[in-house]
Amino acid sequence: MKERIGRSVKALRRFIDTSHNDDDLFLIAFNDRANLVQDFTTSGDNIVGHLLFVKPRRSTALYDAAYALELRHQYSIGFYRTDIASEAKWHKVQVKVSPPRGLGRLSLNYGDGYQSFKK
């Protein structure tokens, strides 16, 4: 990583530039162990500043850990039932997406339903 730290800083800056102003960011340095370098912040400058002080040692799995533009386009959707009095144990869920023009196919991973929590 010693030879790649400059490229890593540039990639991080690009990732931060594509983030929303109110996104929470944090920085973890890792090789054989993970180490929290910067806790949650909305300041991209703080994140980049802390990366500059990270000393690369040993080998890392950098490219396995993050894929900077792909992460920007992933979403998680939560579900909770509003009819608490219902005795239904299974709730069917269907998710549909319409990609913006020119984007092509999108992939979805979700269950077709969810089991209720026990009271």
PDB file of N, CA and C in Angstrom:
ATOM      1  N   MET A   1       0.814  -1.207   0.000  1.00  0.00           N
ATOM      2  CA  MET A   1       0.000   0.000   0.000  1.00  0.00           C
ATOM      3  C   MET A   1       0.853   1.265   0.000  1.00  0.00           C
ATOM      4  N   LYS A   2       2.115   1.173   0.406  1.00  0.00           N
ATOM      5  CA  LYS A   2       2.934   2.383   0.471  1.00  0.00           C
ATOM      6  C   LYS A   2       2.971   3.109  -0.869  1.00  0.00           C
ATOM      7  N   GLU A   3       3.043   2.326  -1.958  1.00  0.00           N
ATOM      8  CA  GLU A   3       3.096   2.948  -3.284  1.00  0.00           C
ATOM      9  C   GLU A   3       1.733   3.454  -3.738  1.00  0.00           C
ATOM     10  N   ARG A   4       0.675   3.015  -3.087  1.00  0.00           N
ATOM     11  CA  ARG A   4      -0.684   3.347  -3.540  1.00  0.00           C
ATOM     12  C   ARG A   4      -1.401   4.365  -2.660  1.00  0.00           C
ATOM     13  N   ILE A   5      -0.784   4.840  -1.613  1.00  0.00           N
ATOM     14  CA  ILE A   5      -1.489   5.734  -0.681  1.00  0.00           C
ATOM     15  C   ILE A   5      -1.930   7.017  -1.370  1.00  0.00           C
ATOM     16  N   GLY A   6      -1.122   7.539  -2.288  1.00  0.00           N
ATOM     17  CA  GLY A   6      -1.516   8.742  -3.024  1.00  0.00           C
ATOM     18  C   GLY A   6      -2.769   8.519  -3.849  1.00  0.00           C
ATOM     19  N   ARG A   7      -2.832   7.368  -4.506  1.00  0.00           N
ATOM     20  CA  ARG A   7      -4.028   7.023  -5.286  1.00  0.00           C
ATOM     21  C   ARG A   7      -5.229   6.816  -4.370  1.00  0.00           C
ATOM     22  N   SER A   8      -4.981   6.270  -3.190  1.00  0.00           N
ATOM     23  CA  SER A   8      -6.066   6.053  -2.236  1.00  0.00           C
ATOM     24  C   SER A   8      -6.656   7.378  -1.767  1.00  0.00           C
ATOM     25  N   VAL A   9      -5.802   8.367  -1.524  1.00  0.00           N
ATOM     26  CA  VAL A   9      -6.278   9.691  -1.104  1.00  0.00           C
ATOM     27  C   VAL A   9      -7.115  10.309  -2.225  1.00  0.00           C
ATOM     28  N   LYS A  10      -6.660  10.194  -3.468  1.00  0.00           N
ATOM     29  CA  LYS A  10      -7.433  10.732  -4.603  1.00  0.00           C
ATOM     30  C   LYS A  10      -8.778  10.030  -4.735  1.00  0.00           C
ATOM     31  N   ALA A  11      -8.789   8.710  -4.590  1.00  0.00           N
ATOM     32  CA  ALA A  11     -10.039   7.957  -4.679  1.00  0.00           C
ATOM     33  C   ALA A  11     -10.989   8.337  -3.546  1.00  0.00           C
ATOM     34  N   LEU A  12     -10.455   8.517  -2.345  1.00  0.00           N
ATOM     35  CA  LEU A  12     -11.278   8.928  -1.214  1.00  0.00           C
ATOM     36  C   LEU A  12     -11.870  10.305  -1.458  1.00  0.00           C
ATOM     37  N   ARG A  13     -11.071  11.215  -1.975  1.00  0.00           N
ATOM     38  CA  ARG A  13     -11.559  12.576  -2.269  1.00  0.00           C
ATOM     39  C   ARG A  13     -12.690  12.512  -3.298  1.00  0.00           C
ATOM     40  N   ARG A  14     -12.548  11.684  -4.332  1.00  0.00           N
ATOM     41  CA  ARG A  14     -13.611  11.549  -5.335  1.00  0.00           C
ATOM     42  C   ARG A  14     -14.873  10.981  -4.711  1.00  0.00           C
ATOM     43  N   PHE A  15     -14.712   9.986  -3.833  1.00  0.00           N
ATOM     44  CA  PHE A  15     -15.862   9.399  -3.154  1.00  0.00           C
ATOM     45  C   PHE A  15     -16.581  10.458  -2.321  1.00  0.00           C
ATOM     46  N   ILE A  16     -15.827  11.236  -1.590  1.00  0.00           N
ATOM     47  CA  ILE A  16     -16.410  12.280  -0.739  1.00  0.00           C
ATOM     48  C   ILE A  16     -17.086  13.350  -1.596  1.00  0.00           C
ATOM     49  N   ASP A  17     -16.486  13.691  -2.731  1.00  0.00           N
ATOM     50  CA  ASP A  17     -17.081  14.701  -3.616  1.00  0.00           C
ATOM     51  C   ASP A  17     -18.417  14.247  -4.189  1.00  0.00           C
ATOM     52  N   THR A  18     -18.656  12.929  -4.291  1.00  0.00           N
ATOM     53  CA  THR A  18     -19.938  12.437  -4.797  1.00  0.00           C
ATOM     54  C   THR A  18     -20.946  12.203  -3.673  1.00  0.00           C
ATOM     55  N   SER A  19     -20.526  12.412  -2.430  1.00  0.00           N
ATOM     56  CA  SER A  19     -21.413  12.226  -1.284  1.00  0.00           C
ATOM     57  C   SER A  19     -22.327  13.434  -1.111  1.00  0.00           C
ATOM     58  N   HIS A  20     -23.380  13.222  -0.373  1.00  0.00           N
ATOM     59  CA  HIS A  20     -24.287  14.320  -0.018  1.00  0.00           C
ATOM     60  C   HIS A  20     -23.706  15.071   1.177  1.00  0.00           C
ATOM     61  N   ASN A  21     -24.031  16.344   1.291  1.00  0.00           N
ATOM     62  CA  ASN A  21     -23.483  17.164   2.381  1.00  0.00           C
ATOM     63  C   ASN A  21     -23.833  16.639   3.767  1.00  0.00           C
ATOM     64  N   ASP A  22     -24.981  15.969   3.891  1.00  0.00           N
ATOM     65  CA  ASP A  22     -25.386  15.490   5.214  1.00  0.00           C
ATOM     66  C   ASP A  22     -25.069  14.008   5.436  1.00  0.00           C
ATOM     67  N   ASP A  23     -24.276  13.393   4.534  1.00  0.00           N
ATOM     68  CA  ASP A  23     -23.854  12.009   4.734  1.00  0.00           C
ATOM     69  C   ASP A  23     -22.890  11.922   5.915  1.00  0.00           C
ATOM     70  N   ASP A  24     -23.048  10.880   6.712  1.00  0.00           N
ATOM     71  CA  ASP A  24     -22.092  10.604   7.787  1.00  0.00           C
ATOM     72  C   ASP A  24     -20.991   9.719   7.226  1.00  0.00           C
ATOM     73  N   LEU A  25     -19.759  10.072   7.513  1.00  0.00           N
ATOM     74  CA  LEU A  25     -18.594   9.341   7.032  1.00  0.00           C
ATOM     75  C   LEU A  25     -17.753   8.894   8.217  1.00  0.00           C
ATOM     76  N   PHE A  26     -17.013   7.817   8.052  1.00  0.00           N
ATOM     77  CA  PHE A  26     -16.033   7.404   9.049  1.00  0.00           C
ATOM     78  C   PHE A  26     -14.885   6.732   8.317  1.00  0.00           C
ATOM     79  N   LEU A  27     -13.749   6.621   8.972  1.00  0.00           N
ATOM     80  CA  LEU A  27     -12.560   6.061   8.348  1.00  0.00           C
ATOM     81  C   LEU A  27     -12.004   4.936   9.205  1.00  0.00           C
ATOM     82  N   ILE A  28     -11.824   3.784   8.588  1.00  0.00           N
ATOM     83  CA  ILE A  28     -11.220   2.633   9.247  1.00  0.00           C
ATOM     84  C   ILE A  28      -9.980   2.246   8.464  1.00  0.00           C
ATOM     85  N   ALA A  29      -8.845   2.178   9.143  1.00  0.00           N
ATOM     86  CA  ALA A  29      -7.612   1.673   8.539  1.00  0.00           C
ATOM     87  C   ALA A  29      -7.536   0.186   8.861  1.00  0.00           C
ATOM     88  N   PHE A  30      -7.059  -0.601   7.927  1.00  0.00           N
ATOM     89  CA  PHE A  30      -6.996  -2.031   8.190  1.00  0.00           C
ATOM     90  C   PHE A  30      -5.845  -2.669   7.432  1.00  0.00           C
ATOM     91  N   ASN A  31      -5.323  -3.702   8.031  1.00  0.00           N
ATOM     92  CA  ASN A  31      -4.426  -4.647   7.376  1.00  0.00           C
ATOM     93  C   ASN A  31      -4.850  -6.010   7.912  1.00  0.00           C
ATOM     94  N   ASP A  32      -4.150  -6.532   8.903  1.00  0.00           N
ATOM     95  CA  ASP A  32      -4.627  -7.767   9.516  1.00  0.00           C
ATOM     96  C   ASP A  32      -5.655  -7.492  10.611  1.00  0.00           C
ATOM     97  N   ARG A  33      -5.799  -6.224  11.015  1.00  0.00           N
ATOM     98  CA  ARG A  33      -6.812  -5.792  11.993  1.00  0.00           C
ATOM     99  C   ARG A  33      -7.410  -4.470  11.551  1.00  0.00           C
ATOM    100  N   ALA A  34      -8.654  -4.222  11.930  1.00  0.00           N
ATOM    101  CA  ALA A  34      -9.307  -2.951  11.634  1.00  0.00           C
ATOM    102  C   ALA A  34      -9.080  -1.983  12.791  1.00  0.00           C
ATOM    103  N   ASN A  35      -8.903  -0.696  12.464  1.00  0.00           N
ATOM    104  CA  ASN A  35      -8.678   0.334  13.466  1.00  0.00           C
ATOM    105  C   ASN A  35      -9.472   1.578  13.087  1.00  0.00           C
ATOM    106  N   LEU A  36     -10.375   2.021  13.969  1.00  0.00           N
ATOM    107  CA  LEU A  36     -11.156   3.226  13.713  1.00  0.00           C
ATOM    108  C   LEU A  36     -10.236   4.441  13.807  1.00  0.00           C
ATOM    109  N   VAL A  37     -10.085   5.149  12.701  1.00  0.00           N
ATOM    110  CA  VAL A  37      -9.200   6.318  12.648  1.00  0.00           C
ATOM    111  C   VAL A  37      -9.994   7.600  12.854  1.00  0.00           C
ATOM    112  N   GLN A  38     -11.180   7.683  12.263  1.00  0.00           N
ATOM    113  CA  GLN A  38     -12.048   8.854  12.405  1.00  0.00           C
ATOM    114  C   GLN A  38     -13.468   8.361  12.600  1.00  0.00           C
ATOM    115  N   ASP A  39     -14.070   8.721  13.721  1.00  0.00           N
ATOM    116  CA  ASP A  39     -15.455   8.352  14.003  1.00  0.00           C
ATOM    117  C   ASP A  39     -16.382   9.148  13.089  1.00  0.00           C
ATOM    118  N   PHE A  40     -17.684   8.886  13.145  1.00  0.00           N
ATOM    119  CA  PHE A  40     -18.659   9.522  12.271  1.00  0.00           C
ATOM    120  C   PHE A  40     -18.511  11.041  12.260  1.00  0.00           C
ATOM    121  N   THR A  41     -18.527  11.591  11.053  1.00  0.00           N
ATOM    122  CA  THR A  41     -18.458  13.032  10.851  1.00  0.00           C
ATOM    123  C   THR A  41     -19.102  13.348   9.508  1.00  0.00           C
ATOM    124  N   THR A  42     -19.536  14.563   9.309  1.00  0.00           N
ATOM    125  CA  THR A  42     -20.016  14.996   7.994  1.00  0.00           C
ATOM    126  C   THR A  42     -18.931  15.766   7.251  1.00  0.00           C
ATOM    127  N   SER A  43     -17.752  15.892   7.858  1.00  0.00           N
ATOM    128  CA  SER A  43     -16.653  16.638   7.266  1.00  0.00           C
ATOM    129  C   SER A  43     -15.736  15.727   6.446  1.00  0.00           C
ATOM    130  N   GLY A  44     -15.818  15.858   5.137  1.00  0.00           N
ATOM    131  CA  GLY A  44     -14.921  15.112   4.265  1.00  0.00           C
ATOM    132  C   GLY A  44     -13.472  15.501   4.470  1.00  0.00           C
ATOM    133  N   ASP A  45     -13.232  16.773   4.786  1.00  0.00           N
ATOM    134  CA  ASP A  45     -11.863  17.231   5.021  1.00  0.00           C
ATOM    135  C   ASP A  45     -11.238  16.526   6.231  1.00  0.00           C
ATOM    136  N   ASN A  46     -12.038  16.285   7.287  1.00  0.00           N
ATOM    137  CA  ASN A  46     -11.531  15.547   8.449  1.00  0.00           C
ATOM    138  C   ASN A  46     -11.128  14.128   8.056  1.00  0.00           C
ATOM    139  N   ILE A  47     -11.944  13.493   7.239  1.00  0.00           N
ATOM    140  CA  ILE A  47     -11.656  12.126   6.808  1.00  0.00           C
ATOM    141  C   ILE A  47     -10.350  12.087   6.011  1.00  0.00           C
ATOM    142  N   VAL A  48     -10.226  12.960   5.015  1.00  0.00           N
ATOM    143  CA  VAL A  48      -9.013  12.988   4.189  1.00  0.00           C
ATOM    144  C   VAL A  48      -7.799  13.342   5.047  1.00  0.00           C
ATOM    145  N   GLY A  49      -7.954  14.303   5.933  1.00  0.00           N
ATOM    146  CA  GLY A  49      -6.850  14.700   6.810  1.00  0.00           C
ATOM    147  C   GLY A  49      -6.353  13.548   7.662  1.00  0.00           C
ATOM    148  N   HIS A  50      -7.277  12.731   8.173  1.00  0.00           N
ATOM    149  CA  HIS A  50      -6.865  11.585   8.984  1.00  0.00           C
ATOM    150  C   HIS A  50      -6.203  10.500   8.136  1.00  0.00           C
ATOM    151  N   LEU A  51      -6.650  10.344   6.894  1.00  0.00           N
ATOM    152  CA  LEU A  51      -6.019   9.338   6.037  1.00  0.00           C
ATOM    153  C   LEU A  51      -4.556   9.684   5.773  1.00  0.00           C
ATOM    154  N   LEU A  52      -4.253  10.966   5.696  1.00  0.00           N
ATOM    155  CA  LEU A  52      -2.871  11.378   5.433  1.00  0.00           C
ATOM    156  C   LEU A  52      -1.913  10.957   6.545  1.00  0.00           C
ATOM    157  N   PHE A  53      -2.443  10.718   7.752  1.00  0.00           N
ATOM    158  CA  PHE A  53      -1.602  10.299   8.876  1.00  0.00           C
ATOM    159  C   PHE A  53      -1.532   8.784   9.056  1.00  0.00           C
ATOM    160  N   VAL A  54      -2.266   8.042   8.238  1.00  0.00           N
ATOM    161  CA  VAL A  54      -2.218   6.586   8.325  1.00  0.00           C
ATOM    162  C   VAL A  54      -0.927   6.093   7.688  1.00  0.00           C
ATOM    163  N   LYS A  55      -0.210   5.249   8.400  1.00  0.00           N
ATOM    164  CA  LYS A  55       1.052   4.682   7.912  1.00  0.00           C
ATOM    165  C   LYS A  55       0.782   3.300   7.317  1.00  0.00           C
ATOM    166  N   PRO A  56       0.923   3.155   6.005  1.00  0.00           N
ATOM    167  CA  PRO A  56       0.686   1.837   5.390  1.00  0.00           C
ATOM    168  C   PRO A  56       1.737   0.827   5.854  1.00  0.00           C
ATOM    169  N   ARG A  57       1.269  -0.332   6.289  1.00  0.00           N
ATOM    170  CA  ARG A  57       2.163  -1.419   6.699  1.00  0.00           C
ATOM    171  C   ARG A  57       1.558  -2.740   6.243  1.00  0.00           C
ATOM    172  N   ARG A  58       2.384  -3.676   5.989  1.00  0.00           N
ATOM    173  CA  ARG A  58       1.977  -5.026   5.608  1.00  0.00           C
ATOM    174  C   ARG A  58       1.022  -4.977   4.415  1.00  0.00           C
ATOM    175  N   SER A  59       0.340  -6.060   4.155  1.00  0.00           N
ATOM    176  CA  SER A  59      -0.559  -6.095   3.000  1.00  0.00           C
ATOM    177  C   SER A  59      -1.997  -5.857   3.450  1.00  0.00           C
ATOM    178  N   THR A  60      -2.823  -5.454   2.497  1.00  0.00           N
ATOM    179  CA  THR A  60      -4.238  -5.201   2.788  1.00  0.00           C
ATOM    180  C   THR A  60      -5.087  -5.790   1.675  1.00  0.00           C
ATOM    181  N   ALA A  61      -6.362  -5.863   1.923  1.00  0.00           N
ATOM    182  CA  ALA A  61      -7.333  -6.296   0.915  1.00  0.00           C
ATOM    183  C   ALA A  61      -8.174  -5.092   0.518  1.00  0.00           C
ATOM    184  N   LEU A  62      -7.522  -3.994   0.142  1.00  0.00           N
ATOM    185  CA  LEU A  62      -8.211  -2.740  -0.150  1.00  0.00           C
ATOM    186  C   LEU A  62      -9.314  -2.906  -1.181  1.00  0.00           C
ATOM    187  N   TYR A  63      -9.005  -3.584  -2.271  1.00  0.00           N
ATOM    188  CA  TYR A  63      -9.989  -3.673  -3.344  1.00  0.00           C
ATOM    189  C   TYR A  63     -11.136  -4.608  -3.000  1.00  0.00           C
ATOM    190  N   ASP A  64     -10.939  -5.495  -2.033  1.00  0.00           N
ATOM    191  CA  ASP A  64     -12.029  -6.337  -1.557  1.00  0.00           C
ATOM    192  C   ASP A  64     -12.911  -5.594  -0.557  1.00  0.00           C
ATOM    193  N   ALA A  65     -12.383  -4.555   0.053  1.00  0.00           N
ATOM    194  CA  ALA A  65     -13.098  -3.868   1.126  1.00  0.00           C
ATOM    195  C   ALA A  65     -14.124  -2.867   0.618  1.00  0.00           C
ATOM    196  N   ALA A  66     -13.846  -2.136  -0.460  1.00  0.00           N
ATOM    197  CA  ALA A  66     -14.767  -1.101  -0.917  1.00  0.00           C
ATOM    198  C   ALA A  66     -14.688  -0.925  -2.417  1.00  0.00           C
ATOM    199  N   TYR A  67     -15.761  -0.778  -3.025  1.00  0.00           N
ATOM    200  CA  TYR A  67     -15.879  -0.449  -4.426  1.00  0.00           C
ATOM    201  C   TYR A  67     -16.751   0.775  -4.528  1.00  0.00           C
ATOM    202  N   ALA A  68     -15.506   2.375  -4.192  1.00  0.00           N
ATOM    203  CA  ALA A  68     -15.892   3.726  -3.769  1.00  0.00           C
ATOM    204  C   ALA A  68     -17.197   4.161  -4.293  1.00  0.00           C
ATOM    205  N   LEU A  69     -17.627   4.118  -6.144  1.00  0.00           N
ATOM    206  CA  LEU A  69     -18.857   4.525  -6.854  1.00  0.00           C
ATOM    207  C   LEU A  69     -19.992   3.531  -6.594  1.00  0.00           C
ATOM    208  N   GLU A  70     -19.753   2.166  -6.536  1.00  0.00           N
ATOM    209  CA  GLU A  70     -20.791   1.167  -6.299  1.00  0.00           C
ATOM    210  C   GLU A  70     -21.454   1.383  -4.941  1.00  0.00           C
ATOM    211  N   LEU A  71     -20.671   1.717  -3.927  1.00  0.00           N
ATOM    212  CA  LEU A  71     -21.234   1.972  -2.599  1.00  0.00           C
ATOM    213  C   LEU A  71     -22.205   3.141  -2.608  1.00  0.00           C
ATOM    214  N   ARG A  72     -21.955   4.126  -3.445  1.00  0.00           N
ATOM    215  CA  ARG A  72     -22.802   5.316  -3.512  1.00  0.00           C
ATOM    216  C   ARG A  72     -24.190   5.006  -4.045  1.00  0.00           C
ATOM    217  N   HIS A  73     -24.337   3.851  -4.728  1.00  0.00           N
ATOM    218  CA  HIS A  73     -25.602   3.537  -5.387  1.00  0.00           C
ATOM    219  C   HIS A  73     -26.292   2.312  -4.802  1.00  0.00           C
ATOM    220  N   GLN A  74     -25.987   1.966  -3.579  1.00  0.00           N
ATOM    221  CA  GLN A  74     -26.668   0.863  -2.908  1.00  0.00           C
ATOM    222  C   GLN A  74     -27.614   1.438  -1.851  1.00  0.00           C
ATOM    223  N   TYR A  75     -28.736   0.775  -1.686  1.00  0.00           N
ATOM    224  CA  TYR A  75     -29.731   1.245  -0.735  1.00  0.00           C
ATOM    225  C   TYR A  75     -30.245   0.084   0.093  1.00  0.00           C
ATOM    226  N   SER A  76     -30.660   0.378   1.292  1.00  0.00           N
ATOM    227  CA  SER A  76     -31.348  -0.588   2.144  1.00  0.00           C
ATOM    228  C   SER A  76     -32.726  -0.027   2.436  1.00  0.00           C
ATOM    229  N   ILE A  77     -33.719  -0.879   2.357  1.00  0.00           N
ATOM    230  CA  ILE A  77     -35.095  -0.459   2.619  1.00  0.00           C
ATOM    231  C   ILE A  77     -35.593  -1.239   3.817  1.00  0.00           C
ATOM    232  N   GLY A  78     -36.165  -0.537   4.784  1.00  0.00           N
ATOM    233  CA  GLY A  78     -36.696  -1.195   5.970  1.00  0.00           C
ATOM    234  C   GLY A  78     -38.203  -1.381   5.865  1.00  0.00           C
ATOM    235  N   PHE A  79     -38.718  -2.326   6.604  1.00  0.00           N
ATOM    236  CA  PHE A  79     -40.150  -2.619   6.608  1.00  0.00           C
ATOM    237  C   PHE A  79     -40.596  -2.852   8.045  1.00  0.00           C
ATOM    238  N   TYR A  80     -41.693  -2.244   8.420  1.00  0.00           N
ATOM    239  CA  TYR A  80     -42.317  -2.597   9.691  1.00  0.00           C
ATOM    240  C   TYR A  80     -43.819  -2.519   9.500  1.00  0.00           C
ATOM    241  N   ARG A  81     -44.497  -3.421  10.143  1.00  0.00           N
ATOM    242  CA  ARG A  81     -45.947  -3.464   9.971  1.00  0.00           C
ATOM    243  C   ARG A  81     -46.603  -2.382  10.808  1.00  0.00           C
ATOM    244  N   THR A  82     -47.676  -1.845  10.284  1.00  0.00           N
ATOM    245  CA  THR A  82     -48.389  -0.786  11.000  1.00  0.00           C
ATOM    246  C   THR A  82     -49.615  -1.325  11.730  1.00  0.00           C
ATOM    247  N   ASP A  83     -50.090  -2.505  11.326  1.00  0.00           N
ATOM    248  CA  ASP A  83     -51.266  -3.098  11.960  1.00  0.00           C
ATOM    249  C   ASP A  83     -50.816  -4.041  13.063  1.00  0.00           C
ATOM    250  N   ILE A  84     -50.528  -3.503  14.222  1.00  0.00           N
ATOM    251  CA  ILE A  84     -49.987  -4.288  15.333  1.00  0.00           C
ATOM    252  C   ILE A  84     -50.995  -5.306  15.860  1.00  0.00           C
ATOM    253  N   ALA A  85     -52.276  -5.006  15.735  1.00  0.00           N
ATOM    254  CA  ALA A  85     -53.305  -5.911  16.252  1.00  0.00           C
ATOM    255  C   ALA A  85     -53.494  -7.139  15.368  1.00  0.00           C
ATOM    256  N   SER A  86     -52.979  -7.131  14.171  1.00  0.00           N
ATOM    257  CA  SER A  86     -53.150  -8.234  13.236  1.00  0.00           C
ATOM    258  C   SER A  86     -52.468  -9.495  13.751  1.00  0.00           C
ATOM    259  N   GLU A  87     -53.103 -10.633  13.511  1.00  0.00           N
ATOM    260  CA  GLU A  87     -52.535 -11.922  13.904  1.00  0.00           C
ATOM    261  C   GLU A  87     -51.729 -12.547  12.762  1.00  0.00           C
ATOM    262  N   ALA A  88     -51.614 -11.844  11.646  1.00  0.00           N
ATOM    263  CA  ALA A  88     -50.883 -12.386  10.495  1.00  0.00           C
ATOM    264  C   ALA A  88     -49.429 -12.650  10.875  1.00  0.00           C
ATOM    265  N   LYS A  89     -48.937 -13.828  10.494  1.00  0.00           N
ATOM    266  CA  LYS A  89     -47.557 -14.177  10.818  1.00  0.00           C
ATOM    267  C   LYS A  89     -46.625 -13.924   9.641  1.00  0.00           C
ATOM    268  N   TRP A  90     -47.170 -13.803   8.456  1.00  0.00           N
ATOM    269  CA  TRP A  90     -46.366 -13.623   7.246  1.00  0.00           C
ATOM    270  C   TRP A  90     -46.861 -12.381   6.504  1.00  0.00           C
ATOM    271  N   HIS A  91     -45.943 -11.533   6.127  1.00  0.00           N
ATOM    272  CA  HIS A  91     -46.278 -10.293   5.419  1.00  0.00           C
ATOM    273  C   HIS A  91     -45.565 -10.301   4.074  1.00  0.00           C
ATOM    274  N   LYS A  92     -46.353 -10.314   3.014  1.00  0.00           N
ATOM    275  CA  LYS A  92     -45.803 -10.356   1.663  1.00  0.00           C
ATOM    276  C   LYS A  92     -45.301  -8.961   1.284  1.00  0.00           C
ATOM    277  N   VAL A  93     -44.132  -8.926   0.667  1.00  0.00           N
ATOM    278  CA  VAL A  93     -43.513  -7.663   0.259  1.00  0.00           C
ATOM    279  C   VAL A  93     -43.096  -7.785  -1.202  1.00  0.00           C
ATOM    280  N   GLN A  94     -43.345  -6.732  -1.967  1.00  0.00           N
ATOM    281  CA  GLN A  94     -42.903  -6.695  -3.358  1.00  0.00           C
ATOM    282  C   GLN A  94     -42.194  -5.371  -3.594  1.00  0.00           C
ATOM    283  N   VAL A  95     -41.033  -5.423  -4.208  1.00  0.00           N
ATOM    284  CA  VAL A  95     -40.240  -4.227  -4.478  1.00  0.00           C
ATOM    285  C   VAL A  95     -40.088  -4.078  -5.980  1.00  0.00           C
ATOM    286  N   LYS A  96     -40.371  -2.884  -6.496  1.00  0.00           N
ATOM    287  CA  LYS A  96     -40.202  -2.588  -7.918  1.00  0.00           C
ATOM    288  C   LYS A  96     -39.349  -1.329  -8.042  1.00  0.00           C
ATOM    289  N   VAL A  97     -38.498  -1.302  -9.038  1.00  0.00           N
ATOM    290  CA  VAL A  97     -37.686  -0.113  -9.294  1.00  0.00           C
ATOM    291  C   VAL A  97     -37.781   0.255 -10.770  1.00  0.00           C
ATOM    292  N   SER A  98     -37.667   1.520 -11.043  1.00  0.00           N
ATOM    293  CA  SER A  98     -37.625   2.028 -12.413  1.00  0.00           C
ATOM    294  C   SER A  98     -36.309   2.771 -12.575  1.00  0.00           C
ATOM    295  N   PRO A  99     -35.369   2.205 -13.349  1.00  0.00           N
ATOM    296  CA  PRO A  99     -34.075   2.869 -13.503  1.00  0.00           C
ATOM    297  C   PRO A  99     -34.206   4.138 -14.329  1.00  0.00           C
ATOM    298  N   PRO A 100     -33.381   5.123 -14.038  1.00  0.00           N
ATOM    299  CA  PRO A 100     -33.359   6.322 -14.873  1.00  0.00           C
ATOM    300  C   PRO A 100     -32.994   5.954 -16.309  1.00  0.00           C
ATOM    301  N   ARG A 101     -33.449   6.738 -17.251  1.00  0.00           N
ATOM    302  CA  ARG A 101     -33.191   6.482 -18.663  1.00  0.00           C
ATOM    303  C   ARG A 101     -31.690   6.308 -18.919  1.00  0.00           C
ATOM    304  N   GLY A 102     -31.348   5.266 -19.647  1.00  0.00           N
ATOM    305  CA  GLY A 102     -29.969   5.027 -20.023  1.00  0.00           C
ATOM    306  C   GLY A 102     -29.153   4.247 -19.002  1.00  0.00           C
ATOM    307  N   LEU A 103     -29.712   3.964 -17.834  1.00  0.00           N
ATOM    308  CA  LEU A 103     -28.948   3.256 -16.805  1.00  0.00           C
ATOM    309  C   LEU A 103     -28.902   1.756 -17.047  1.00  0.00           C
ATOM    310  N   GLY A 104     -29.922   1.207 -17.668  1.00  0.00           N
ATOM    311  CA  GLY A 104     -29.944  -0.241 -17.886  1.00  0.00           C
ATOM    312  C   GLY A 104     -30.611  -0.966 -16.743  1.00  0.00           C
ATOM    313  N   ARG A 105     -30.385  -2.278 -16.683  1.00  0.00           N
ATOM    314  CA  ARG A 105     -31.027  -3.112 -15.655  1.00  0.00           C
ATOM    315  C   ARG A 105     -30.445  -2.856 -14.275  1.00  0.00           C
ATOM    316  N   LEU A 106     -31.304  -2.921 -13.285  1.00  0.00           N
ATOM    317  CA  LEU A 106     -30.887  -2.858 -11.885  1.00  0.00           C
ATOM    318  C   LEU A 106     -31.128  -4.224 -11.266  1.00  0.00           C
ATOM    319  N   SER A 107     -30.341  -4.585 -10.274  1.00  0.00           N
ATOM    320  CA  SER A 107     -30.570  -5.857  -9.598  1.00  0.00           C
ATOM    321  C   SER A 107     -31.118  -5.598  -8.204  1.00  0.00           C
ATOM    322  N   LEU A 108     -32.018  -6.465  -7.785  1.00  0.00           N
ATOM    323  CA  LEU A 108     -32.635  -6.370  -6.460  1.00  0.00           C
ATOM    324  C   LEU A 108     -32.412  -7.672  -5.720  1.00  0.00           C
ATOM    325  N   ASN A 109     -32.135  -7.561  -4.440  1.00  0.00           N
ATOM    326  CA  ASN A 109     -32.040  -8.723  -3.570  1.00  0.00           C
ATOM    327  C   ASN A 109     -32.964  -8.477  -2.390  1.00  0.00           C
ATOM    328  N   TYR A 110     -34.026  -9.266  -2.298  1.00  0.00           N
ATOM    329  CA  TYR A 110     -34.949  -9.114  -1.181  1.00  0.00           C
ATOM    330  C   TYR A 110     -35.770 -10.390  -1.040  1.00  0.00           C
ATOM    331  N   GLY A 111     -36.310 -10.593   0.152  1.00  0.00           N
ATOM    332  CA  GLY A 111     -37.196 -11.717   0.374  1.00  0.00           C
ATOM    333  C   GLY A 111     -38.590 -11.372  -0.104  1.00  0.00           C
ATOM    334  N   ASP A 112     -39.382 -12.380  -0.440  1.00  0.00           N
ATOM    335  CA  ASP A 112     -40.739 -12.090  -0.920  1.00  0.00           C
ATOM    336  C   ASP A 112     -41.717 -11.843   0.219  1.00  0.00           C
ATOM    337  N   GLY A 113     -41.263 -11.981   1.437  1.00  0.00           N
ATOM    338  CA  GLY A 113     -42.106 -11.699   2.585  1.00  0.00           C
ATOM    339  C   GLY A 113     -41.295 -11.794   3.872  1.00  0.00           C
ATOM    340  N   TYR A 114     -41.921 -11.369   4.967  1.00  0.00           N
ATOM    341  CA  TYR A 114     -41.226 -11.354   6.249  1.00  0.00           C
ATOM    342  C   TYR A 114     -42.153 -11.855   7.335  1.00  0.00           C
ATOM    343  N   GLN A 115     -41.583 -12.589   8.247  1.00  0.00           N
ATOM    344  CA  GLN A 115     -42.349 -13.142   9.362  1.00  0.00           C
ATOM    345  C   GLN A 115     -42.454 -12.099  10.472  1.00  0.00           C
ATOM    346  N   SER A 116     -43.619 -12.047  11.129  1.00  0.00           N
ATOM    347  CA  SER A 116     -43.840 -11.128  12.222  1.00  0.00           C
ATOM    348  C   SER A 116     -43.019 -11.523  13.444  1.00  0.00           C
ATOM    349  N   PHE A 117     -42.663 -10.519  14.239  1.00  0.00           N
ATOM    350  CA  PHE A 117     -42.022 -10.792  15.511  1.00  0.00           C
ATOM    351  C   PHE A 117     -43.056 -11.323  16.482  1.00  0.00           C
ATOM    352  N   LYS A 118     -42.627 -12.125  17.415  1.00  0.00           N
ATOM    353  CA  LYS A 118     -43.531 -12.622  18.440  1.00  0.00           C
ATOM    354  C   LYS A 118     -43.824 -11.515  19.425  1.00  0.00           C
ATOM    355  N   LYS A 119     -45.034 -11.515  19.962  1.00  0.00           N
ATOM    356  CA  LYS A 119     -45.430 -10.498  20.931  1.00  0.00           C
ATOM    357  C   LYS A 119     -44.800 -10.772  22.264  1.00  0.00           C
TER     358      LYS A 119
END
